[in-house]
C-alpha atoms as a PDB file:
ATOM      1  CA  UNK A   1       0.000   0.000   0.000  1.00  0.00           C
ATOM      2  CA  UNK A   2       2.875   2.365   0.780  1.00  0.00           C
ATOM      3  CA  UNK A   3       4.352   1.772  -2.659  1.00  0.00           C
ATOM      4  CA  UNK A   4       0.954   2.416  -4.266  1.00  0.00           C
ATOM      5  CA  UNK A   5       0.605   5.773  -2.502  1.00  0.00           C
ATOM      6  CA  UNK A   6       4.236   6.705  -3.169  1.00  0.00           C
ATOM      7  CA  UNK A   7       3.835   5.864  -6.868  1.00  0.00           C
ATOM      8  CA  UNK A   8       0.654   7.955  -7.099  1.00  0.00           C
ATOM      9  CA  UNK A   9       2.295  10.932  -5.415  1.00  0.00           C
ATOM     10  CA  UNK A  10       5.425  10.569  -7.538  1.00  0.00           C
ATOM     11  CA  UNK A  11       3.351  10.409 -10.717  1.00  0.00           C
ATOM     12  CA  UNK A  12       1.471  13.585  -9.787  1.00  0.00           C
ATOM     13  CA  UNK A  13       4.699  15.301  -8.769  1.00  0.00           C
ATOM     14  CA  UNK A  14       6.297  14.255 -12.052  1.00  0.00           C
ATOM     15  CA  UNK A  15       3.323  15.647 -13.960  1.00  0.00           C
ATOM     16  CA  UNK A  16       3.711  18.999 -12.185  1.00  0.00           C
ATOM     17  CA  UNK A  17       7.475  19.227 -12.659  1.00  0.00           C
ATOM     18  CA  UNK A  18       7.544  18.152 -16.301  1.00  0.00           C
ATOM     19  CA  UNK A  19       4.685  20.450 -17.311  1.00  0.00           C
ATOM     20  CA  UNK A  20       6.423  23.356 -15.571  1.00  0.00           C
ATOM     21  CA  UNK A  21       9.730  22.709 -17.351  1.00  0.00           C
ATOM     22  CA  UNK A  22       8.123  22.295 -20.775  1.00  0.00           C
ATOM     23  CA  UNK A  23       5.974  25.387 -20.242  1.00  0.00           C
ATOM     24  CA  UNK A  24       9.081  27.429 -19.481  1.00  0.00           C
ATOM     25  CA  UNK A  25      10.684  26.120 -22.669  1.00  0.00           C
ATOM     26  CA  UNK A  26       7.587  27.181 -24.600  1.00  0.00           C
ATOM     27  CA  UNK A  27       7.769  30.650 -23.059  1.00  0.00           C
ATOM     28  CA  UNK A  28      11.392  30.988 -24.126  1.00  0.00           C
ATOM     29  CA  UNK A  29      11.050  29.486 -27.584  1.00  0.00           C
ATOM     30  CA  UNK A  30       7.682  30.649 -28.925  1.00  0.00           C
ATOM     31  CA  UNK A  31       7.335  34.355 -29.670  1.00  0.00           C
ATOM     32  CA  UNK A  32       4.444  36.005 -27.813  1.00  0.00           C
ATOM     33  CA  UNK A  33       3.633  32.815 -25.884  1.00  0.00           C
ATOM     34  CA  UNK A  34       3.900  34.504 -22.488  1.00  0.00           C
ATOM     35  CA  UNK A  35       1.534  37.281 -23.568  1.00  0.00           C
ATOM     36  CA  UNK A  36      -0.855  34.724 -25.021  1.00  0.00           C
ATOM     37  CA  UNK A  37      -0.914  32.863 -21.687  1.00  0.00           C
ATOM     38  CA  UNK A  38      -2.267  35.931 -19.938  1.00  0.00           C
ATOM     39  CA  UNK A  39      -5.002  36.576 -22.501  1.00  0.00           C
ATOM     40  CA  UNK A  40      -5.609  32.936 -23.552  1.00  0.00           C
ATOM     41  CA  UNK A  41      -5.263  34.067 -27.165  1.00  0.00           C
ATOM     42  CA  UNK A  42      -3.080  31.185 -28.344  1.00  0.00           C
ATOM     43  CA  UNK A  43      -2.234  30.650 -31.990  1.00  0.00           C
ATOM     44  CA  UNK A  44      -2.986  27.262 -33.525  1.00  0.00           C
ATOM     45  CA  UNK A  45       0.677  26.294 -33.170  1.00  0.00           C
ATOM     46  CA  UNK A  46       0.656  27.273 -29.506  1.00  0.00           C
ATOM     47  CA  UNK A  47      -2.463  25.192 -28.890  1.00  0.00           C
ATOM     48  CA  UNK A  48      -0.857  22.147 -30.468  1.00  0.00           C
ATOM     49  CA  UNK A  49       2.330  22.759 -28.471  1.00  0.00           C
ATOM     50  CA  UNK A  50       0.273  22.837 -25.271  1.00  0.00           C
ATOM     51  CA  UNK A  51      -1.493  19.607 -26.209  1.00  0.00           C
ATOM     52  CA  UNK A  52       1.841  17.957 -26.993  1.00  0.00           C
ATOM     53  CA  UNK A  53       3.144  19.213 -23.646  1.00  0.00           C
ATOM     54  CA  UNK A  54       0.225  17.522 -21.869  1.00  0.00           C
ATOM     55  CA  UNK A  55       0.803  14.230 -23.677  1.00  0.00           C
ATOM     56  CA  UNK A  56       4.556  14.194 -22.978  1.00  0.00           C
ATOM     57  CA  UNK A  57       3.911  15.100 -19.361  1.00  0.00           C
ATOM     58  CA  UNK A  58       1.318  12.336 -18.992  1.00  0.00           C
ATOM     59  CA  UNK A  59       3.683   9.795 -20.580  1.00  0.00           C
ATOM     60  CA  UNK A  60       6.391  10.781 -18.079  1.00  0.00           C
ATOM     61  CA  UNK A  61       3.980  10.528 -15.149  1.00  0.00           C
ATOM     62  CA  UNK A  62       2.922   7.063 -16.261  1.00  0.00           C
ATOM     63  CA  UNK A  63       6.523   5.915 -16.662  1.00  0.00           C
ATOM     64  CA  UNK A  64       7.397   7.092 -13.155  1.00  0.00           C
ATOM     65  CA  UNK A  65       4.397   5.363 -11.609  1.00  0.00           C
ATOM     66  CA  UNK A  66       5.332   2.074 -13.257  1.00  0.00           C
ATOM     67  CA  UNK A  67       8.987   2.487 -12.263  1.00  0.00           C
ATOM     68  CA  UNK A  68       8.032   2.912  -8.596  1.00  0.00           C
ATOM     69  CA  UNK A  69       5.254   0.329  -8.539  1.00  0.00           C
ATOM     70  CA  UNK A  70       5.896  -2.071 -11.418  1.00  0.00           C
ATOM     71  CA  UNK A  71       3.408  -4.698 -10.282  1.00  0.00           C
ATOM     72  CA  UNK A  72       0.439  -2.360  -9.831  1.00  0.00           C
ATOM     73  CA  UNK A  73      -1.881  -1.985 -12.789  1.00  0.00           C
ATOM     74  CA  UNK A  74      -4.029   0.531 -10.911  1.00  0.00           C
ATOM     75  CA  UNK A  75      -1.497   3.242 -10.095  1.00  0.00           C
ATOM     76  CA  UNK A  76      -1.294   4.735 -13.601  1.00  0.00           C
ATOM     77  CA  UNK A  77      -5.074   4.710 -13.887  1.00  0.00           C
ATOM     78  CA  UNK A  78      -5.444   6.472 -10.539  1.00  0.00           C
ATOM     79  CA  UNK A  79      -2.856   9.102 -11.531  1.00  0.00           C
ATOM     80  CA  UNK A  80      -4.562   9.671 -14.884  1.00  0.00           C
ATOM     81  CA  UNK A  81      -7.961  10.009 -13.213  1.00  0.00           C
ATOM     82  CA  UNK A  82      -6.647  12.464 -10.630  1.00  0.00           C
ATOM     83  CA  UNK A  83      -5.017  14.625 -13.313  1.00  0.00           C
ATOM     84  CA  UNK A  84      -8.232  14.542 -15.340  1.00  0.00           C
ATOM     85  CA  UNK A  85     -10.261  15.452 -12.245  1.00  0.00           C
ATOM     86  CA  UNK A  86      -7.944  18.396 -11.574  1.00  0.00           C
ATOM     87  CA  UNK A  87      -8.293  19.804 -15.095  1.00  0.00           C
ATOM     88  CA  UNK A  88     -11.946  19.068 -15.800  1.00  0.00           C
ATOM     89  CA  UNK A  89     -13.324  22.022 -13.789  1.00  0.00           C
ATOM     90  CA  UNK A  90     -10.837  24.415 -15.401  1.00  0.00           C
ATOM     91  CA  UNK A  91     -11.740  23.261 -18.889  1.00  0.00           C
ATOM     92  CA  UNK A  92     -15.445  23.543 -18.138  1.00  0.00           C
ATOM     93  CA  UNK A  93     -14.881  27.093 -16.866  1.00  0.00           C
ATOM     94  CA  UNK A  94     -12.858  27.981 -19.967  1.00  0.00           C
ATOM     95  CA  UNK A  95     -15.072  26.089 -22.427  1.00  0.00           C
ATOM     96  CA  UNK A  96     -15.986  29.205 -24.436  1.00  0.00           C
ATOM     97  CA  UNK A  97     -12.368  30.416 -24.647  1.00  0.00           C
ATOM     98  CA  UNK A  98     -11.062  27.477 -26.697  1.00  0.00           C
ATOM     99  CA  UNK A  99     -12.420  25.356 -29.528  1.00  0.00           C
ATOM    100  CA  UNK A 100     -14.185  22.122 -28.588  1.00  0.00           C
ATOM    101  CA  UNK A 101     -11.519  20.030 -30.353  1.00  0.00           C
ATOM    102  CA  UNK A 102      -8.871  21.500 -28.036  1.00  0.00           C
ATOM    103  CA  UNK A 103     -10.764  20.638 -24.848  1.00  0.00           C
ATOM    104  CA  UNK A 104     -11.685  17.160 -26.029  1.00  0.00           C
ATOM    105  CA  UNK A 105      -8.164  16.389 -27.236  1.00  0.00           C
ATOM    106  CA  UNK A 106      -6.693  17.487 -23.924  1.00  0.00           C
ATOM    107  CA  UNK A 107      -9.219  15.764 -21.693  1.00  0.00           C
ATOM    108  CA  UNK A 108      -9.546  12.533 -23.682  1.00  0.00           C
ATOM    109  CA  UNK A 109      -5.792  11.923 -23.984  1.00  0.00           C
ATOM    110  CA  UNK A 110      -4.742  12.331 -20.347  1.00  0.00           C
ATOM    111  CA  UNK A 111      -5.647   8.863 -19.061  1.00  0.00           C
ATOM    112  CA  UNK A 112      -4.543   6.950 -22.188  1.00  0.00           C
ATOM    113  CA  UNK A 113      -1.210   8.807 -22.242  1.00  0.00           C
ATOM    114  CA  UNK A 114      -0.517   7.986 -18.595  1.00  0.00           C
ATOM    115  CA  UNK A 115      -1.387   4.341 -19.276  1.00  0.00           C
ATOM    116  CA  UNK A 116       0.874   4.231 -22.348  1.00  0.00           C
ATOM    117  CA  UNK A 117       3.659   5.849 -20.332  1.00  0.00           C
ATOM    118  CA  UNK A 118       3.303   3.067 -17.795  1.00  0.00           C
ATOM    119  CA  UNK A 119       3.786   0.519 -20.580  1.00  0.00           C
ATOM    120  CA  UNK A 120       7.036   2.045 -21.840  1.00  0.00           C
ATOM    121  CA  UNK A 121      10.035  -0.184 -21.216  1.00  0.00           C
ATOM    122  CA  UNK A 122      12.218   1.038 -18.337  1.00  0.00           C
ATOM    123  CA  UNK A 123      15.654   2.444 -19.100  1.00  0.00           C
ATOM    124  CA  UNK A 124      18.463   0.065 -18.237  1.00  0.00           C
ATOM    125  CA  UNK A 125      21.655   1.227 -16.605  1.00  0.00           C
ATOM    126  CA  UNK A 126      24.737   0.833 -18.749  1.00  0.00           C
END
């Protein structure tokens, strides 16, 4: 049970850290991205970059959960559900600010991406 809880917390922590790092890279590399964040007036490229960021982040969270608790099939699902539950209210509140395809792509890929991340083969030490 301890490993289950630790893996869940580590997966959520990983999600937070990876999304923060990638978001900072986006701010530095995409012109006007920081201004667009404040007004939510993202270009199409920025929207796709944000969706890709969410998928990469979810993959990483899934990989970490499996690394910590390799025998648990439930940990990645729990992490994916918690992340989805955290973002669902925000997306409902911002529903009119973004196209429907953006919301659905974001929300419908979180759990599958975490589960796929948990299926990735672990890195072996050389």
